[in-house]
């Protein structure tokens, strides 16, 4: 329903689908700049032969039409509170353990940088990766903020924006994997993941990231 009008309203550059395993559990880690990111990342995953699952606020399951999308996509509900976060984490680990593709925005929110570079990542994704042992595929998403700025309710299709989605090889976390990763290991894994995303984004933008952007 969404893909055809989105394809007509935008230009696309998709690269790196070969890095997304065609089967087996996988975590896709993307930067986050717009409400349009989940749609763009979904199309990237589908182009790579995978159906992605996302973390989403539990309230969406009570919204007509949206709830059917949430349920059919088997997305992961996130309620408020620490207990809910733990449940969502366990649901995600179970999902990748069963061979699903789960998408995570490790920053946890939109970047608050005016220049669009990533901010520091949270360690939840690293914990999922280290305890499950599944690969983490970094993904740079760019152009969605021009299509749907955070402060806007309606997409901007003129001038016609170009959406860039470029994935890289899985981040090497093999030396950190284990059932009980330490805080140091979680932070190191997170920095490696964010560095990989930032490097891909730098290639997409043709710019050198500033020293204070999220990278190792």
Protein backbone atom coordinates (compact mmCIF):
# COMPACT_ATOMS: atom_id res chain seq x y z
CA UNK A 1 0.00 0.00 0.00
CA UNK A 2 2.78 2.43 0.91
CA UNK A 3 5.53 1.28 -1.43
CA UNK A 4 4.01 2.30 -4.82
CA UNK A 5 3.31 5.97 -3.94
CA UNK A 6 6.62 6.20 -2.09
CA UNK A 7 8.44 4.87 -5.15
CA UNK A 8 6.72 7.44 -7.36
CA UNK A 9 7.39 10.34 -4.99
CA UNK A 10 11.08 9.59 -4.40
CA UNK A 11 14.25 8.36 -6.04
CA UNK A 12 16.03 5.37 -4.54
CA UNK A 13 19.59 4.25 -4.14
CA UNK A 14 19.81 0.87 -2.42
CA UNK A 15 23.13 -0.90 -1.97
CA UNK A 16 24.57 -3.68 0.15
CA UNK A 17 21.65 -6.11 0.15
CA UNK A 18 24.21 -8.88 -0.26
CA UNK A 19 25.28 -8.26 3.34
CA UNK A 20 21.80 -9.14 4.62
CA UNK A 21 21.60 -12.91 5.21
CA UNK A 22 18.73 -14.50 3.26
CA UNK A 23 17.88 -16.72 6.20
CA UNK A 24 18.64 -17.05 9.88
CA UNK A 25 18.45 -14.54 12.69
CA UNK A 26 19.91 -11.10 12.04
CA UNK A 27 19.86 -7.66 13.62
CA UNK A 28 19.83 -4.63 11.31
CA UNK A 29 21.19 -1.46 12.94
CA UNK A 30 20.26 1.85 11.32
CA UNK A 31 20.71 5.51 12.11
CA UNK A 32 17.49 7.45 12.78
CA UNK A 33 16.59 10.85 11.29
CA UNK A 34 12.87 10.71 10.39
CA UNK A 35 9.51 9.04 11.00
CA UNK A 36 9.92 7.73 7.43
CA UNK A 37 12.93 5.61 8.39
CA UNK A 38 10.95 2.45 9.28
CA UNK A 39 9.21 2.53 5.89
CA UNK A 40 12.49 3.02 4.05
CA UNK A 41 14.27 0.31 6.04
CA UNK A 42 11.34 -2.05 5.45
CA UNK A 43 11.67 -1.61 1.70
CA UNK A 44 15.42 -2.16 1.97
CA UNK A 45 14.88 -5.40 3.89
CA UNK A 46 12.22 -6.62 1.47
CA UNK A 47 14.57 -5.88 -1.43
CA UNK A 48 17.09 -8.11 0.35
CA UNK A 49 14.57 -10.93 0.70
CA UNK A 50 13.75 -10.41 4.40
CA UNK A 51 10.61 -9.35 6.26
CA UNK A 52 11.70 -7.07 9.12
CA UNK A 53 10.30 -6.76 12.63
CA UNK A 54 10.51 -3.50 14.58
CA UNK A 55 10.15 -2.32 18.15
CA UNK A 56 7.02 -0.17 18.42
CA UNK A 57 5.07 1.61 21.15
CA UNK A 58 2.29 -0.60 22.53
CA UNK A 59 -0.26 2.16 21.92
CA UNK A 60 -0.06 1.54 18.19
CA UNK A 61 -1.86 -1.77 18.71
CA UNK A 62 -4.97 0.21 19.73
CA UNK A 63 -5.02 2.43 16.61
CA UNK A 64 -7.47 1.26 13.90
CA UNK A 65 -5.77 0.02 10.72
CA UNK A 66 -2.32 0.50 12.28
CA UNK A 67 -2.94 -2.33 14.73
CA UNK A 68 -3.54 -4.77 11.89
CA UNK A 69 -0.17 -3.77 10.41
CA UNK A 70 1.50 -4.22 13.81
CA UNK A 71 -0.08 -7.62 14.37
CA UNK A 72 0.49 -8.99 10.87
CA UNK A 73 4.11 -7.83 10.95
CA UNK A 74 4.63 -9.48 14.35
CA UNK A 75 6.35 -6.34 15.57
CA UNK A 76 7.60 -6.14 19.14
CA UNK A 77 5.48 -4.21 21.62
CA UNK A 78 7.20 -1.78 23.96
CA UNK A 79 5.26 -0.56 26.99
CA UNK A 80 6.51 2.06 29.41
CA UNK A 81 8.68 0.97 32.30
CA UNK A 82 11.73 -1.13 33.00
CA UNK A 83 9.81 -4.43 33.11
CA UNK A 84 8.39 -3.78 29.64
CA UNK A 85 11.84 -2.97 28.26
CA UNK A 86 13.10 -6.29 29.58
CA UNK A 87 10.17 -8.12 28.02
CA UNK A 88 10.75 -6.40 24.67
CA UNK A 89 14.43 -7.32 24.86
CA UNK A 90 13.55 -10.97 25.51
CA UNK A 91 11.01 -10.96 22.69
CA UNK A 92 13.65 -9.63 20.30
CA UNK A 93 16.24 -12.20 21.37
CA UNK A 94 13.64 -14.92 20.93
CA UNK A 95 12.74 -13.57 17.47
CA UNK A 96 16.31 -13.61 16.15
CA UNK A 97 16.81 -16.99 17.80
CA UNK A 98 13.90 -18.26 15.71
CA UNK A 99 15.48 -16.88 12.55
CA UNK A 100 13.79 -13.49 12.19
CA UNK A 101 15.18 -10.18 10.98
CA UNK A 102 14.84 -7.51 13.67
CA UNK A 103 15.55 -3.83 12.97
CA UNK A 104 16.91 -1.61 15.74
CA UNK A 105 17.66 2.10 15.81
CA UNK A 106 20.47 1.99 18.39
CA UNK A 107 20.34 5.73 19.09
CA UNK A 108 16.93 5.10 20.65
CA UNK A 109 15.50 8.31 19.16
CA UNK A 110 16.05 10.76 16.32
CA UNK A 111 19.46 12.36 16.21
CA UNK A 112 19.28 15.83 17.74
CA UNK A 113 22.21 17.05 15.68
CA UNK A 114 21.34 19.72 13.13
CA UNK A 115 23.92 18.22 10.76
CA UNK A 116 22.21 14.81 10.84
CA UNK A 117 25.16 12.74 12.05
CA UNK A 118 24.38 9.95 14.56
CA UNK A 119 24.44 10.49 18.29
CA UNK A 120 25.74 8.02 20.87
CA UNK A 121 24.08 4.62 20.70
CA UNK A 122 22.41 2.85 23.60
CA UNK A 123 23.68 -0.59 24.63
CA UNK A 124 20.44 -2.58 24.20
CA UNK A 125 21.27 -3.67 20.66
CA UNK A 126 24.78 -4.70 21.70
CA UNK A 127 23.35 -6.85 24.50
CA UNK A 128 20.98 -8.57 22.05
CA UNK A 129 23.82 -9.22 19.64
CA UNK A 130 26.35 -10.49 22.18
CA UNK A 131 23.93 -12.80 23.99
CA UNK A 132 22.25 -14.19 20.85
CA UNK A 133 25.34 -14.43 18.66
CA UNK A 134 23.47 -13.33 15.51
CA UNK A 135 25.11 -10.93 13.04
CA UNK A 136 24.58 -7.18 13.20
CA UNK A 137 24.29 -5.58 9.76
CA UNK A 138 24.93 -1.80 9.82
CA UNK A 139 22.71 0.36 7.62
CA UNK A 140 22.96 4.03 6.67
CA UNK A 141 19.64 5.71 5.92
CA UNK A 142 19.71 9.18 4.34
CA UNK A 143 17.21 11.39 2.54
CA UNK A 144 14.22 10.49 4.70
CA UNK A 145 14.53 13.73 6.67
CA UNK A 146 13.99 15.66 3.44
CA UNK A 147 10.96 13.49 2.65
CA UNK A 148 9.43 13.74 6.13
CA UNK A 149 11.10 16.14 8.55
CA UNK A 150 10.60 15.32 12.22
CA UNK A 151 8.61 18.50 12.76
CA UNK A 152 6.30 17.89 9.77
CA UNK A 153 3.11 15.83 9.58
CA UNK A 154 3.04 15.63 5.79
CA UNK A 155 5.74 14.40 3.41
CA UNK A 156 7.56 16.85 1.16
CA UNK A 157 7.86 15.47 -2.34
CA UNK A 158 9.03 18.61 -4.14
CA UNK A 159 11.80 18.69 -5.04
CA UNK A 160 11.70 14.93 -5.38
CA UNK A 161 13.98 13.54 -2.62
CA UNK A 162 16.48 10.76 -3.08
CA UNK A 163 16.51 8.07 -0.41
CA UNK A 164 19.84 6.33 0.19
CA UNK A 165 19.97 3.00 2.00
CA UNK A 166 23.38 1.39 2.12
CA UNK A 167 24.33 -1.65 4.20
CA UNK A 168 27.77 -2.88 5.10
CA UNK A 169 29.20 -6.24 6.20
CA UNK A 170 28.26 -7.51 9.67
CA UNK A 171 30.12 -5.81 12.49
CA UNK A 172 32.77 -8.09 14.00
CA UNK A 173 31.79 -8.65 17.63
CA UNK A 174 33.13 -12.20 17.93
CA UNK A 175 35.68 -11.32 20.61
CA UNK A 176 32.97 -9.80 22.80
CA UNK A 177 30.20 -12.41 22.53
CA UNK A 178 28.96 -14.19 25.64
CA UNK A 179 25.94 -14.80 27.85
CA UNK A 180 26.92 -12.14 30.42
CA UNK A 181 28.70 -9.28 28.67
CA UNK A 182 30.22 -6.66 30.94
CA UNK A 183 29.41 -2.95 30.76
CA UNK A 184 32.78 -2.42 29.07
CA UNK A 185 32.02 -5.06 26.43
CA UNK A 186 28.57 -3.61 25.79
CA UNK A 187 29.98 -0.12 25.31
CA UNK A 188 32.75 -1.40 23.02
CA UNK A 189 30.23 -3.33 20.91
CA UNK A 190 27.96 -0.31 20.71
CA UNK A 191 30.82 1.93 19.60
CA UNK A 192 31.80 -0.53 16.87
CA UNK A 193 28.23 -0.67 15.59
CA UNK A 194 27.83 3.11 15.60
CA UNK A 195 31.24 3.53 13.94
CA UNK A 196 30.16 1.19 11.12
CA UNK A 197 26.90 3.10 10.62
CA UNK A 198 28.69 6.45 10.65
CA UNK A 199 31.29 5.24 8.15
CA UNK A 200 28.54 4.12 5.76
CA UNK A 201 26.73 7.42 6.21
CA UNK A 202 29.93 9.30 5.44
CA UNK A 203 30.20 7.39 2.15
CA UNK A 204 26.59 8.16 1.29
CA UNK A 205 26.95 11.86 2.05
CA UNK A 206 30.44 12.21 0.61
CA UNK A 207 31.53 13.98 3.77
CA UNK A 208 33.97 13.36 6.57
CA UNK A 209 32.05 13.02 9.84
CA UNK A 210 32.92 15.56 12.53
CA UNK A 211 35.08 14.34 15.41
CA UNK A 212 32.16 14.46 17.83
CA UNK A 213 29.86 12.26 15.72
CA UNK A 214 29.04 8.83 17.12
CA UNK A 215 31.95 6.63 16.11
CA UNK A 216 34.83 4.76 17.68
